[in-house]
Amino acid sequence: RPKPRPKPRPKPRPKPRPKRAPPSLQTHSLEEYQALRHGLPGNTVVGLVPTMGALHAGHLSLVLAARADGCDVVVGTVFVNPAQFGPNEDFDRYPRSLDSDVAGLKEAGVDIVLAPPREAMYRASHRTYVDPVGIVESTAEAGK
């Protein structure tokens, strides 16, 4: 005679995840952003959309993709990174329109906008840079 099957255990219920962060927060302070981030429940899924401003449809589609991928909170950054400009590229002439960038990110559904100043990202003691010499060349050779 067959043994009776044990009753299946109920699956544990996942902890409820927050629906959204507090609406449309903007900060220029890394410390304030870190406090906001650490204040979210541990199971919060955060999507990051890093930009250098001068927003276009591609940036905004990344916000929508983060939301569609199930991110509870979407963070957009606006930071014109001087390290991304070569010696003959004009960092000073790169378009900067922080107010309209922030408005565009918020309209697209970003919960938190982080727009740190250069000094926050590159402190006076900053000395580390990565120069990926050889990567471009080896990638080009691999494609031959």
N, C-alpha and C. Protein backbone atom coordinates (compact mmCIF):
# COMPACT_ATOMS: atom_id res chain seq x y z
N ARG A 1 0.85 -1.17 0.00
CA ARG A 1 0.00 0.00 0.00
C ARG A 1 0.90 1.23 0.00
N PRO A 2 0.59 2.26 -0.87
CA PRO A 2 1.45 3.44 -0.96
C PRO A 2 1.35 4.29 0.29
N LYS A 3 2.50 4.94 0.60
CA LYS A 3 2.54 5.84 1.75
C LYS A 3 1.82 7.13 1.40
N PRO A 4 1.15 7.73 2.37
CA PRO A 4 0.49 9.01 2.07
C PRO A 4 1.53 10.11 1.83
N ARG A 5 1.22 10.92 0.87
CA ARG A 5 2.12 12.04 0.56
C ARG A 5 2.04 13.09 1.65
N PRO A 6 3.21 13.67 1.99
CA PRO A 6 3.16 14.75 2.98
C PRO A 6 2.52 15.99 2.34
N LYS A 7 1.87 16.75 3.19
CA LYS A 7 1.26 17.98 2.70
C LYS A 7 2.36 18.94 2.27
N PRO A 8 2.17 19.60 1.11
CA PRO A 8 3.22 20.56 0.69
C PRO A 8 3.27 21.74 1.64
N ARG A 9 4.49 22.17 1.89
CA ARG A 9 4.67 23.34 2.74
C ARG A 9 4.27 24.58 1.96
N PRO A 10 3.63 25.51 2.64
CA PRO A 10 3.31 26.75 1.92
C PRO A 10 4.60 27.51 1.62
N LYS A 11 4.63 28.11 0.44
CA LYS A 11 5.80 28.90 0.06
C LYS A 11 5.84 30.16 0.91
N PRO A 12 7.06 30.52 1.35
CA PRO A 12 7.14 31.76 2.14
C PRO A 12 6.78 32.96 1.27
N ARG A 13 6.06 33.86 1.85
CA ARG A 13 5.67 35.06 1.12
C ARG A 13 6.85 36.01 1.04
N PRO A 14 7.10 36.55 -0.16
CA PRO A 14 8.19 37.52 -0.23
C PRO A 14 7.82 38.79 0.52
N LYS A 15 8.84 39.45 1.02
CA LYS A 15 8.60 40.71 1.71
C LYS A 15 8.05 41.71 0.70
N PRO A 16 7.08 42.50 1.11
CA PRO A 16 6.57 43.48 0.15
C PRO A 16 7.66 44.49 -0.21
N ARG A 17 7.72 44.80 -1.49
CA ARG A 17 8.70 45.78 -1.96
C ARG A 17 8.01 47.12 -2.09
N PRO A 18 8.76 48.19 -1.87
CA PRO A 18 8.15 49.51 -2.00
C PRO A 18 7.74 49.75 -3.44
N LYS A 19 6.66 50.44 -3.61
CA LYS A 19 6.19 50.74 -4.96
C LYS A 19 7.07 51.80 -5.62
N ARG A 20 7.42 52.83 -4.90
CA ARG A 20 8.24 53.92 -5.44
C ARG A 20 8.96 54.60 -4.30
N ALA A 21 10.01 55.28 -4.63
CA ALA A 21 10.70 56.12 -3.65
C ALA A 21 9.84 57.35 -3.41
N PRO A 22 10.16 58.13 -2.40
CA PRO A 22 9.46 59.41 -2.28
C PRO A 22 9.58 60.17 -3.60
N PRO A 23 8.53 60.83 -4.03
CA PRO A 23 8.51 61.37 -5.38
C PRO A 23 9.58 62.43 -5.64
N SER A 24 10.27 62.25 -6.72
CA SER A 24 11.14 63.25 -7.33
C SER A 24 12.05 63.98 -6.36
N LEU A 25 12.98 63.27 -5.80
CA LEU A 25 13.98 63.90 -4.96
C LEU A 25 15.17 64.30 -5.82
N GLN A 26 15.78 65.42 -5.51
CA GLN A 26 16.97 65.86 -6.22
C GLN A 26 18.04 66.23 -5.20
N THR A 27 19.26 65.78 -5.46
CA THR A 27 20.35 66.11 -4.56
C THR A 27 21.63 66.33 -5.34
N HIS A 28 22.49 67.17 -4.80
CA HIS A 28 23.82 67.38 -5.34
C HIS A 28 24.86 66.73 -4.44
N SER A 29 24.43 66.21 -3.32
CA SER A 29 25.33 65.70 -2.29
C SER A 29 25.39 64.17 -2.33
N LEU A 30 26.61 63.64 -2.43
CA LEU A 30 26.77 62.19 -2.40
C LEU A 30 26.34 61.63 -1.05
N GLU A 31 26.62 62.37 0.01
CA GLU A 31 26.25 61.92 1.34
C GLU A 31 24.73 61.84 1.49
N GLU A 32 24.02 62.84 0.96
CA GLU A 32 22.56 62.81 1.02
C GLU A 32 22.01 61.66 0.19
N TYR A 33 22.60 61.43 -1.00
CA TYR A 33 22.16 60.31 -1.83
C TYR A 33 22.38 58.99 -1.10
N GLN A 34 23.56 58.82 -0.49
CA GLN A 34 23.85 57.59 0.23
C GLN A 34 22.86 57.38 1.37
N ALA A 35 22.50 58.45 2.06
CA ALA A 35 21.52 58.34 3.14
C ALA A 35 20.16 57.93 2.59
N LEU A 36 19.76 58.51 1.45
CA LEU A 36 18.50 58.12 0.81
C LEU A 36 18.54 56.65 0.43
N ARG A 37 19.63 56.24 -0.18
CA ARG A 37 19.77 54.86 -0.65
C ARG A 37 19.75 53.88 0.51
N HIS A 38 20.47 54.20 1.59
CA HIS A 38 20.51 53.31 2.75
C HIS A 38 19.19 53.30 3.51
N GLY A 39 18.36 54.32 3.30
CA GLY A 39 17.06 54.38 3.95
C GLY A 39 16.00 53.53 3.28
N LEU A 40 16.31 53.00 2.10
CA LEU A 40 15.35 52.15 1.39
C LEU A 40 15.39 50.75 1.98
N PRO A 41 14.27 50.03 1.95
CA PRO A 41 14.29 48.64 2.43
C PRO A 41 15.33 47.81 1.66
N GLY A 42 15.89 46.83 2.32
CA GLY A 42 16.96 46.02 1.74
C GLY A 42 16.61 45.28 0.47
N ASN A 43 15.34 45.02 0.23
CA ASN A 43 14.95 44.28 -0.96
C ASN A 43 14.52 45.20 -2.11
N THR A 44 14.81 46.48 -1.99
CA THR A 44 14.45 47.44 -3.02
C THR A 44 15.36 47.26 -4.24
N VAL A 45 14.75 47.15 -5.39
CA VAL A 45 15.50 47.03 -6.64
C VAL A 45 15.68 48.45 -7.20
N VAL A 46 16.96 48.87 -7.33
CA VAL A 46 17.27 50.22 -7.78
C VAL A 46 17.87 50.15 -9.18
N GLY A 47 17.31 50.94 -10.09
CA GLY A 47 17.86 51.06 -11.44
C GLY A 47 18.61 52.38 -11.55
N LEU A 48 19.76 52.37 -12.22
CA LEU A 48 20.57 53.57 -12.37
C LEU A 48 20.67 53.95 -13.84
N VAL A 49 20.37 55.20 -14.13
CA VAL A 49 20.51 55.74 -15.48
C VAL A 49 21.53 56.87 -15.42
N PRO A 50 22.81 56.56 -15.68
CA PRO A 50 23.84 57.60 -15.62
C PRO A 50 23.85 58.41 -16.92
N THR A 51 23.93 59.74 -16.78
CA THR A 51 23.99 60.60 -17.97
C THR A 51 25.00 61.71 -17.73
N MET A 52 25.36 62.37 -18.80
CA MET A 52 26.16 63.59 -18.70
C MET A 52 25.27 64.77 -19.06
N GLY A 53 23.97 64.59 -18.89
CA GLY A 53 23.05 65.66 -19.23
C GLY A 53 22.81 65.71 -20.72
N ALA A 54 22.33 66.86 -21.20
CA ALA A 54 21.98 67.01 -22.61
C ALA A 54 21.11 65.83 -23.04
N LEU A 55 20.05 65.60 -22.29
CA LEU A 55 19.22 64.41 -22.46
C LEU A 55 18.62 64.32 -23.85
N HIS A 56 18.45 63.07 -24.28
CA HIS A 56 17.78 62.79 -25.55
C HIS A 56 16.89 61.56 -25.34
N ALA A 57 16.21 61.14 -26.37
CA ALA A 57 15.25 60.04 -26.27
C ALA A 57 15.90 58.75 -25.77
N GLY A 58 17.17 58.52 -26.11
CA GLY A 58 17.85 57.31 -25.64
C GLY A 58 17.96 57.26 -24.13
N HIS A 59 18.30 58.39 -23.52
CA HIS A 59 18.37 58.44 -22.05
C HIS A 59 17.00 58.13 -21.45
N LEU A 60 15.99 58.77 -21.98
CA LEU A 60 14.65 58.62 -21.42
C LEU A 60 14.13 57.20 -21.61
N SER A 61 14.53 56.54 -22.71
CA SER A 61 14.11 55.15 -22.91
C SER A 61 14.76 54.23 -21.87
N LEU A 62 15.95 54.59 -21.39
CA LEU A 62 16.59 53.79 -20.34
C LEU A 62 15.82 53.88 -19.02
N VAL A 63 15.24 55.05 -18.76
CA VAL A 63 14.40 55.21 -17.56
C VAL A 63 13.19 54.29 -17.67
N LEU A 64 12.55 54.30 -18.83
CA LEU A 64 11.38 53.45 -19.04
C LEU A 64 11.75 51.97 -18.97
N ALA A 65 12.92 51.62 -19.51
CA ALA A 65 13.37 50.23 -19.46
C ALA A 65 13.63 49.78 -18.03
N ALA A 66 14.22 50.66 -17.22
CA ALA A 66 14.47 50.32 -15.81
C ALA A 66 13.14 50.06 -15.10
N ARG A 67 12.18 50.88 -15.36
CA ARG A 67 10.86 50.70 -14.73
C ARG A 67 10.23 49.39 -15.24
N ALA A 68 10.32 49.15 -16.55
CA ALA A 68 9.74 47.93 -17.12
C ALA A 68 10.43 46.67 -16.61
N ASP A 69 11.72 46.79 -16.27
CA ASP A 69 12.46 45.65 -15.74
C ASP A 69 12.15 45.38 -14.27
N GLY A 70 11.26 46.16 -13.68
CA GLY A 70 10.83 45.91 -12.32
C GLY A 70 11.56 46.68 -11.25
N CYS A 71 12.29 47.70 -11.62
CA CYS A 71 12.98 48.50 -10.61
C CYS A 71 11.95 49.26 -9.77
N ASP A 72 12.12 49.19 -8.47
CA ASP A 72 11.22 49.91 -7.57
C ASP A 72 11.55 51.39 -7.54
N VAL A 73 12.83 51.70 -7.66
CA VAL A 73 13.33 53.06 -7.60
C VAL A 73 14.27 53.25 -8.79
N VAL A 74 14.10 54.35 -9.49
CA VAL A 74 15.00 54.67 -10.60
C VAL A 74 15.75 55.95 -10.24
N VAL A 75 17.08 55.87 -10.32
CA VAL A 75 17.95 56.99 -10.03
C VAL A 75 18.55 57.46 -11.36
N GLY A 76 18.46 58.74 -11.61
CA GLY A 76 19.12 59.32 -12.78
C GLY A 76 20.23 60.23 -12.31
N THR A 77 21.38 60.14 -12.96
CA THR A 77 22.48 61.02 -12.59
C THR A 77 22.76 61.98 -13.74
N VAL A 78 23.21 63.17 -13.38
CA VAL A 78 23.66 64.16 -14.35
C VAL A 78 25.03 64.62 -13.87
N PHE A 79 26.06 64.18 -14.60
CA PHE A 79 27.42 64.56 -14.24
C PHE A 79 28.25 64.63 -15.51
N VAL A 80 28.71 65.81 -15.85
CA VAL A 80 29.58 65.98 -17.00
C VAL A 80 30.98 65.62 -16.53
N ASN A 81 31.43 64.44 -16.92
CA ASN A 81 32.66 63.86 -16.41
C ASN A 81 33.86 64.35 -17.20
N PRO A 82 34.74 65.14 -16.58
CA PRO A 82 35.90 65.65 -17.31
C PRO A 82 36.83 64.54 -17.78
N ALA A 83 36.82 63.39 -17.10
CA ALA A 83 37.70 62.29 -17.48
C ALA A 83 37.28 61.66 -18.81
N GLN A 84 36.09 61.95 -19.28
CA GLN A 84 35.62 61.39 -20.55
C GLN A 84 35.98 62.27 -21.75
N PHE A 85 36.69 63.34 -21.51
CA PHE A 85 37.09 64.23 -22.58
C PHE A 85 38.58 64.13 -22.80
N GLY A 86 38.97 64.02 -24.06
CA GLY A 86 40.38 63.98 -24.40
C GLY A 86 40.98 65.37 -24.39
N PRO A 87 42.30 65.45 -24.58
CA PRO A 87 42.97 66.76 -24.52
C PRO A 87 42.50 67.75 -25.58
N ASN A 88 42.03 67.27 -26.71
CA ASN A 88 41.58 68.18 -27.78
C ASN A 88 40.07 68.30 -27.85
N GLU A 89 39.38 67.76 -26.86
CA GLU A 89 37.92 67.86 -26.81
C GLU A 89 37.56 68.96 -25.82
N ASP A 90 36.52 69.69 -26.14
CA ASP A 90 36.21 70.89 -25.37
C ASP A 90 35.21 70.64 -24.25
N PHE A 91 35.73 70.25 -23.11
CA PHE A 91 34.92 70.00 -21.92
C PHE A 91 34.09 71.23 -21.56
N ASP A 92 34.69 72.40 -21.66
CA ASP A 92 34.00 73.63 -21.25
C ASP A 92 32.82 73.99 -22.15
N ARG A 93 32.82 73.49 -23.37
CA ARG A 93 31.72 73.81 -24.30
C ARG A 93 30.64 72.74 -24.33
N TYR A 94 30.79 71.67 -23.57
CA TYR A 94 29.76 70.62 -23.55
C TYR A 94 28.46 71.23 -23.01
N PRO A 95 27.33 70.96 -23.67
CA PRO A 95 26.08 71.61 -23.24
C PRO A 95 25.66 71.19 -21.83
N ARG A 96 25.29 72.16 -21.04
CA ARG A 96 24.82 71.91 -19.68
C ARG A 96 23.49 72.62 -19.50
N SER A 97 22.48 71.83 -19.19
CA SER A 97 21.13 72.37 -18.99
C SER A 97 20.48 71.61 -17.84
N LEU A 98 21.05 71.77 -16.65
CA LEU A 98 20.64 70.97 -15.50
C LEU A 98 19.14 71.07 -15.23
N ASP A 99 18.58 72.27 -15.24
CA ASP A 99 17.15 72.41 -14.92
C ASP A 99 16.29 71.60 -15.88
N SER A 100 16.56 71.69 -17.18
CA SER A 100 15.73 70.94 -18.13
C SER A 100 16.05 69.45 -18.08
N ASP A 101 17.30 69.08 -17.77
CA ASP A 101 17.63 67.66 -17.62
C ASP A 101 16.89 67.05 -16.43
N VAL A 102 16.88 67.76 -15.31
CA VAL A 102 16.18 67.28 -14.12
C VAL A 102 14.68 67.16 -14.43
N ALA A 103 14.12 68.17 -15.07
CA ALA A 103 12.70 68.13 -15.42
C ALA A 103 12.40 66.94 -16.33
N GLY A 104 13.27 66.70 -17.31
CA GLY A 104 13.06 65.57 -18.23
C GLY A 104 13.15 64.23 -17.53
N LEU A 105 14.12 64.09 -16.63
CA LEU A 105 14.25 62.83 -15.89
C LEU A 105 13.04 62.59 -15.00
N LYS A 106 12.59 63.63 -14.32
CA LYS A 106 11.42 63.48 -13.45
C LYS A 106 10.18 63.15 -14.26
N GLU A 107 10.02 63.82 -15.40
CA GLU A 107 8.86 63.56 -16.26
C GLU A 107 8.87 62.13 -16.79
N ALA A 108 10.07 61.59 -17.03
CA ALA A 108 10.19 60.21 -17.53
C ALA A 108 9.96 59.18 -16.43
N GLY A 109 9.97 59.62 -15.16
CA GLY A 109 9.68 58.68 -14.08
C GLY A 109 10.82 58.41 -13.13
N VAL A 110 11.88 59.20 -13.18
CA VAL A 110 12.99 59.03 -12.23
C VAL A 110 12.53 59.46 -10.85
N ASP A 111 12.93 58.68 -9.85
CA ASP A 111 12.55 58.98 -8.47
C ASP A 111 13.57 59.89 -7.78
N ILE A 112 14.85 59.65 -8.06
CA ILE A 112 15.91 60.42 -7.44
C ILE A 112 16.87 60.90 -8.53
N VAL A 113 17.18 62.18 -8.52
CA VAL A 113 18.17 62.73 -9.44
C VAL A 113 19.39 63.12 -8.62
N LEU A 114 20.52 62.58 -9.00
CA LEU A 114 21.79 62.93 -8.36
C LEU A 114 22.60 63.73 -9.36
N ALA A 115 22.91 64.96 -9.00
CA ALA A 115 23.69 65.85 -9.87
C ALA A 115 24.85 66.43 -9.06
N PRO A 116 25.87 65.61 -8.83
CA PRO A 116 26.97 66.06 -7.97
C PRO A 116 27.90 67.04 -8.69
N PRO A 117 28.52 67.94 -7.94
CA PRO A 117 29.54 68.81 -8.54
C PRO A 117 30.83 68.02 -8.76
N ARG A 118 31.68 68.54 -9.60
CA ARG A 118 32.95 67.88 -9.91
C ARG A 118 33.74 67.61 -8.63
N GLU A 119 33.73 68.55 -7.69
CA GLU A 119 34.51 68.41 -6.47
C GLU A 119 34.07 67.20 -5.65
N ALA A 120 32.79 66.83 -5.75
CA ALA A 120 32.30 65.67 -5.01
C ALA A 120 32.78 64.36 -5.64
N MET A 121 32.94 64.36 -6.94
CA MET A 121 33.34 63.15 -7.65
C MET A 121 34.87 63.00 -7.71
N TYR A 122 35.55 64.10 -7.82
CA TYR A 122 37.01 64.11 -7.89
C TYR A 122 37.53 65.01 -6.79
N ARG A 123 37.75 64.43 -5.64
CA ARG A 123 38.24 65.19 -4.51
C ARG A 123 39.68 65.64 -4.77
N ALA A 124 40.15 66.61 -4.01
CA ALA A 124 41.50 67.14 -4.21
C ALA A 124 42.56 66.05 -4.12
N SER A 125 42.30 65.02 -3.34
CA SER A 125 43.28 63.93 -3.16
C SER A 125 43.18 62.85 -4.24
N HIS A 126 42.27 63.00 -5.19
CA HIS A 126 42.05 61.99 -6.24
C HIS A 126 43.30 61.82 -7.10
N ARG A 127 43.77 60.59 -7.22
CA ARG A 127 44.98 60.33 -8.00
C ARG A 127 44.87 59.10 -8.90
N THR A 128 43.75 58.40 -8.90
CA THR A 128 43.64 57.14 -9.63
C THR A 128 42.90 57.33 -10.95
N TYR A 129 43.54 56.90 -12.02
CA TYR A 129 42.92 56.91 -13.35
C TYR A 129 43.22 55.58 -14.01
N VAL A 130 42.35 55.15 -14.88
CA VAL A 130 42.56 53.91 -15.63
C VAL A 130 42.73 54.28 -17.09
N ASP A 131 43.82 53.83 -17.68
CA ASP A 131 44.08 54.06 -19.09
C ASP A 131 44.13 52.71 -19.77
N PRO A 132 43.05 52.31 -20.44
CA PRO A 132 42.96 50.96 -21.00
C PRO A 132 43.77 50.78 -22.29
N VAL A 133 45.06 51.01 -22.23
CA VAL A 133 45.93 50.87 -23.39
C VAL A 133 45.92 49.41 -23.85
N GLY A 134 45.75 49.24 -25.13
CA GLY A 134 45.79 47.90 -25.71
C GLY A 134 44.43 47.26 -25.89
N ILE A 135 43.43 47.69 -25.16
CA ILE A 135 42.11 47.08 -25.29
C ILE A 135 41.52 47.36 -26.66
N VAL A 136 41.58 48.59 -27.11
CA VAL A 136 41.03 48.94 -28.41
C VAL A 136 41.77 48.20 -29.50
N GLU A 137 43.08 48.17 -29.40
CA GLU A 137 43.88 47.50 -30.42
C GLU A 137 43.58 46.00 -30.46
N SER A 138 43.50 45.35 -29.29
CA SER A 138 43.25 43.91 -29.28
C SER A 138 41.84 43.60 -29.74
N THR A 139 40.88 44.46 -29.47
CA THR A 139 39.51 44.26 -29.93
C THR A 139 39.46 44.38 -31.45
N ALA A 140 40.18 45.36 -32.00
CA ALA A 140 40.21 45.55 -33.45
C ALA A 140 40.87 44.35 -34.12
N GLU A 141 41.95 43.83 -33.53
CA GLU A 141 42.63 42.69 -34.10
C GLU A 141 41.75 41.44 -34.06
N ALA A 142 40.97 41.28 -33.01
CA ALA A 142 40.09 40.12 -32.89
C ALA A 142 39.03 40.12 -33.98
N GLY A 143 38.64 41.29 -34.46
CA GLY A 143 37.62 41.38 -35.49
C GLY A 143 38.14 41.12 -36.88
N LYS A 144 39.46 40.99 -37.04
CA LYS A 144 40.04 40.76 -38.39
C LYS A 144 39.79 39.35 -38.86
